Amino acid sequence: MTGWLGGLTIRTGPGPPTADYLCTHCWYHQRLTGHDRIRYGARDLPLTHRATCPALHPKGTTP
């Protein structure tokens, strides 16, 4: 990838499908491969990470 703005990027093509999630607040990155992991990860990962992101919820604050 030449430029990545963050969020969820899903790639299909030869080989297994791959999804990358990047949080631009704390630079958390996770790669998912396979149909089932992408199906559930694309639905849950952005929401669950946003609830626990250390950049959005500094220590001492409640989400």
N, C-alpha and C. Protein backbone atom coordinates (compact mmCIF):
# COMPACT_ATOMS: atom_id res chain seq x y z
N MET A 1 0.84 -1.18 0.00
CA MET A 1 0.00 0.00 0.00
C MET A 1 0.88 1.24 0.00
N THR A 2 0.51 2.18 -0.79
CA THR A 2 1.31 3.40 -0.85
C THR A 2 0.83 4.44 0.15
N GLY A 3 -0.46 4.58 0.32
CA GLY A 3 -0.99 5.53 1.29
C GLY A 3 -2.19 4.92 1.99
N TRP A 4 -2.19 5.00 3.30
CA TRP A 4 -3.25 4.35 4.06
C TRP A 4 -3.81 5.35 5.05
N LEU A 5 -5.09 5.63 4.96
CA LEU A 5 -5.71 6.64 5.79
C LEU A 5 -6.26 6.07 7.10
N GLY A 6 -6.33 4.78 7.22
CA GLY A 6 -6.87 4.18 8.43
C GLY A 6 -8.24 3.61 8.18
N GLY A 7 -8.74 2.90 9.15
CA GLY A 7 -10.03 2.25 9.02
C GLY A 7 -9.86 0.81 8.59
N LEU A 8 -10.84 0.29 7.90
CA LEU A 8 -10.85 -1.10 7.49
C LEU A 8 -10.66 -1.20 5.99
N THR A 9 -9.69 -2.00 5.55
CA THR A 9 -9.43 -2.23 4.14
C THR A 9 -9.52 -3.73 3.88
N ILE A 10 -10.36 -4.14 2.95
CA ILE A 10 -10.54 -5.56 2.63
C ILE A 10 -10.06 -5.79 1.20
N ARG A 11 -9.17 -6.80 1.05
CA ARG A 11 -8.64 -7.13 -0.27
C ARG A 11 -9.03 -8.56 -0.63
N THR A 12 -9.51 -8.73 -1.85
CA THR A 12 -9.79 -10.05 -2.37
C THR A 12 -8.98 -10.23 -3.64
N GLY A 13 -8.86 -11.42 -4.09
CA GLY A 13 -8.07 -11.68 -5.28
C GLY A 13 -7.48 -13.07 -5.19
N PRO A 14 -6.34 -13.27 -5.83
CA PRO A 14 -5.74 -14.60 -5.71
C PRO A 14 -5.29 -14.85 -4.27
N GLY A 15 -5.60 -16.01 -3.79
CA GLY A 15 -5.27 -16.33 -2.40
C GLY A 15 -6.43 -16.00 -1.48
N PRO A 16 -6.22 -16.17 -0.19
CA PRO A 16 -7.31 -15.91 0.76
C PRO A 16 -7.58 -14.41 0.89
N PRO A 17 -8.83 -14.04 1.17
CA PRO A 17 -9.12 -12.63 1.39
C PRO A 17 -8.42 -12.13 2.65
N THR A 18 -8.03 -10.87 2.63
CA THR A 18 -7.30 -10.28 3.74
C THR A 18 -7.92 -8.94 4.10
N ALA A 19 -8.04 -8.67 5.38
CA ALA A 19 -8.55 -7.39 5.85
C ALA A 19 -7.53 -6.81 6.83
N ASP A 20 -7.30 -5.50 6.73
CA ASP A 20 -6.42 -4.79 7.65
C ASP A 20 -7.22 -3.69 8.32
N TYR A 21 -7.06 -3.57 9.63
CA TYR A 21 -7.69 -2.50 10.38
C TYR A 21 -6.59 -1.65 10.99
N LEU A 22 -6.67 -0.33 10.80
CA LEU A 22 -5.70 0.60 11.38
C LEU A 22 -6.45 1.71 12.09
N CYS A 23 -6.14 1.89 13.37
CA CYS A 23 -6.68 3.01 14.15
C CYS A 23 -5.69 4.17 14.01
N THR A 24 -6.14 5.29 13.50
CA THR A 24 -5.24 6.42 13.30
C THR A 24 -5.05 7.25 14.56
N HIS A 25 -5.75 6.91 15.62
CA HIS A 25 -5.56 7.62 16.89
C HIS A 25 -4.38 7.05 17.67
N CYS A 26 -4.32 5.70 17.75
CA CYS A 26 -3.26 5.06 18.55
C CYS A 26 -2.35 4.17 17.71
N TRP A 27 -2.59 4.08 16.42
CA TRP A 27 -1.81 3.29 15.47
C TRP A 27 -1.90 1.79 15.74
N TYR A 28 -3.00 1.33 16.29
CA TYR A 28 -3.26 -0.10 16.47
C TYR A 28 -3.54 -0.71 15.11
N HIS A 29 -2.92 -1.85 14.81
CA HIS A 29 -3.11 -2.53 13.53
C HIS A 29 -3.43 -3.99 13.79
N GLN A 30 -4.38 -4.52 13.03
CA GLN A 30 -4.69 -5.94 13.10
C GLN A 30 -5.01 -6.43 11.70
N ARG A 31 -4.46 -7.59 11.35
CA ARG A 31 -4.71 -8.21 10.05
C ARG A 31 -5.57 -9.44 10.25
N LEU A 32 -6.61 -9.56 9.45
CA LEU A 32 -7.51 -10.71 9.48
C LEU A 32 -7.43 -11.42 8.14
N THR A 33 -7.39 -12.75 8.16
CA THR A 33 -7.42 -13.52 6.92
C THR A 33 -8.48 -14.59 7.03
N GLY A 34 -9.08 -14.94 5.91
CA GLY A 34 -10.12 -15.97 5.88
C GLY A 34 -11.50 -15.35 5.90
N HIS A 35 -12.43 -16.05 5.28
CA HIS A 35 -13.79 -15.53 5.12
C HIS A 35 -14.48 -15.28 6.46
N ASP A 36 -14.45 -16.26 7.36
CA ASP A 36 -15.18 -16.12 8.63
C ASP A 36 -14.57 -15.05 9.53
N ARG A 37 -13.24 -15.02 9.62
CA ARG A 37 -12.60 -14.01 10.47
C ARG A 37 -12.90 -12.61 9.95
N ILE A 38 -12.91 -12.44 8.62
CA ILE A 38 -13.21 -11.12 8.06
C ILE A 38 -14.67 -10.77 8.28
N ARG A 39 -15.55 -11.74 8.11
CA ARG A 39 -16.98 -11.47 8.27
C ARG A 39 -17.27 -10.94 9.68
N TYR A 40 -16.74 -11.60 10.69
CA TYR A 40 -17.02 -11.18 12.07
C TYR A 40 -16.12 -10.03 12.50
N GLY A 41 -14.89 -10.01 12.04
CA GLY A 41 -13.98 -8.94 12.40
C GLY A 41 -14.39 -7.60 11.83
N ALA A 42 -14.87 -7.60 10.59
CA ALA A 42 -15.29 -6.35 9.96
C ALA A 42 -16.49 -5.75 10.69
N ARG A 43 -17.29 -6.60 11.29
CA ARG A 43 -18.46 -6.12 12.02
C ARG A 43 -18.08 -5.64 13.42
N ASP A 44 -17.21 -6.38 14.11
CA ASP A 44 -16.96 -6.13 15.52
C ASP A 44 -15.71 -5.32 15.83
N LEU A 45 -14.64 -5.49 15.07
CA LEU A 45 -13.35 -4.91 15.43
C LEU A 45 -13.37 -3.39 15.57
N PRO A 46 -13.91 -2.63 14.62
CA PRO A 46 -13.88 -1.17 14.79
C PRO A 46 -14.65 -0.70 16.03
N LEU A 47 -15.75 -1.34 16.34
CA LEU A 47 -16.56 -0.93 17.50
C LEU A 47 -15.89 -1.31 18.81
N THR A 48 -15.35 -2.52 18.89
CA THR A 48 -14.73 -2.94 20.14
C THR A 48 -13.43 -2.18 20.39
N HIS A 49 -12.67 -1.90 19.34
CA HIS A 49 -11.44 -1.14 19.55
C HIS A 49 -11.75 0.30 19.95
N ARG A 50 -12.74 0.90 19.34
CA ARG A 50 -13.08 2.28 19.68
C ARG A 50 -13.47 2.41 21.15
N ALA A 51 -14.10 1.38 21.70
CA ALA A 51 -14.51 1.41 23.11
C ALA A 51 -13.32 1.31 24.05
N THR A 52 -12.19 0.76 23.59
CA THR A 52 -11.04 0.56 24.47
C THR A 52 -9.78 1.27 23.98
N CYS A 53 -9.88 2.10 22.97
CA CYS A 53 -8.71 2.77 22.40
C CYS A 53 -8.04 3.65 23.45
N PRO A 54 -6.74 3.44 23.70
CA PRO A 54 -6.07 4.23 24.72
C PRO A 54 -5.93 5.71 24.36
N ALA A 55 -5.94 6.04 23.10
CA ALA A 55 -5.84 7.44 22.70
C ALA A 55 -7.17 8.18 22.89
N LEU A 56 -8.27 7.48 22.75
CA LEU A 56 -9.59 8.10 22.92
C LEU A 56 -10.02 8.11 24.37
N HIS A 57 -9.51 7.18 25.17
CA HIS A 57 -9.87 7.07 26.57
C HIS A 57 -8.60 7.02 27.41
N PRO A 58 -7.99 8.17 27.70
CA PRO A 58 -6.78 8.16 28.51
C PRO A 58 -7.04 7.58 29.90
N LYS A 59 -5.98 7.17 30.56
CA LYS A 59 -6.13 6.59 31.91
C LYS A 59 -6.85 7.56 32.83
N GLY A 60 -7.74 7.01 33.62
CA GLY A 60 -8.47 7.83 34.57
C GLY A 60 -9.81 8.32 34.04
N THR A 61 -10.12 8.04 32.77
CA THR A 61 -11.43 8.42 32.23
C THR A 61 -12.23 7.17 31.96
N THR A 62 -13.52 7.29 32.00
CA THR A 62 -14.38 6.14 31.75
C THR A 62 -14.96 6.24 30.35
N PRO A 63 -15.00 5.13 29.61
CA PRO A 63 -15.59 5.19 28.27
C PRO A 63 -17.07 5.36 28.30
